[in-house]
Amino acid sequence: MGILFTIAYDGTDYCGWQIQKNGVSVCSVLEAALHPVFSDGFSLLGASRTDAGVHALGQRAHLIPKSFCKVPLDKLPLVINSCLPKDIRIVDATSVPDSFHPINDAKSKTYRYQIHNHKYENPLLRRYAAFVPAHLDITAMHNAAGHFAGCHDFAAFCASGSSVKSTVRTVFSVDVERCENSVFITISGDGFLYNMVRIIAGTLVDIGHRKLSAGDLPAVILSKDRAAAGKTMPPQGLTLMEVFYDNC
């Protein structure tokens, strides 16, 4: 049997989830903490390749050990967390079949983008929210958000450098809400392109500033032109909230 971990992390000081040559990744730190427990070896595959500076509350990773683990499943998070830095924590562990695949078996993913919308920056939010000083029209953003729902070719919302075969994705919902000086954009879908959520957030910010209107969005989507959409918002505002599976 394999083990499905749910992982939370502050991505500020990491080059992303995936192991890379140019910095310390979340995955490499996690693997180092796993080796004392799974000394005979293991394979580990994450559900989402979060970028540098992006956070997670519900990242998932599938571990297949090469031998039986002596630590009880319900004790595993406590044991592994004792070997992790304070900005990475395993918050759940459950058994799954070896055939389970954290990417292919995912039914949906939910991301949240947070904006601090005030004329002055809040130092307590600088690691977890993008700072936008000009007032955002939340009603306009909320009314526009529905245009993203459905199955579309999201090429206009994909950053250069992506090697995916298809830019067609299905977005289930996009919600925009304000809580005092914080604006939250929550997006759920079957999968996302490189920087897709951050570009959607940037496009909604343009609508909030009346640079675009809700009526412009269908044409932007159909254009498949990256230049037609908004800017890519900074990474610190983005959090992977949850990856959903059947029976997990």
Foldseek 3Di string as FASTA:
>chain_A
DKKKWWKWFQQAQAQWQDDDPPTHHPVVQLVVLCCVQQVVDKDKDKQDTGGHLATARGIMMIIDGPDDGPDDQVCVQVSSVVSGPPRMGTDHMDDDDPPDDSHVQFQKWKKKFKAQADLDDDVVCPSAHHYDDDFFDQVQLQVLFVVQAAWAQQLLQADPPFDDPGSTWGWHGWGWDDDVRMIMIMTMTSDHHHLNVQQSVQQSRCSRVVVDGSVCVVVSRVVSHNVSTGDRTDNSRMYTYHTDGPPD
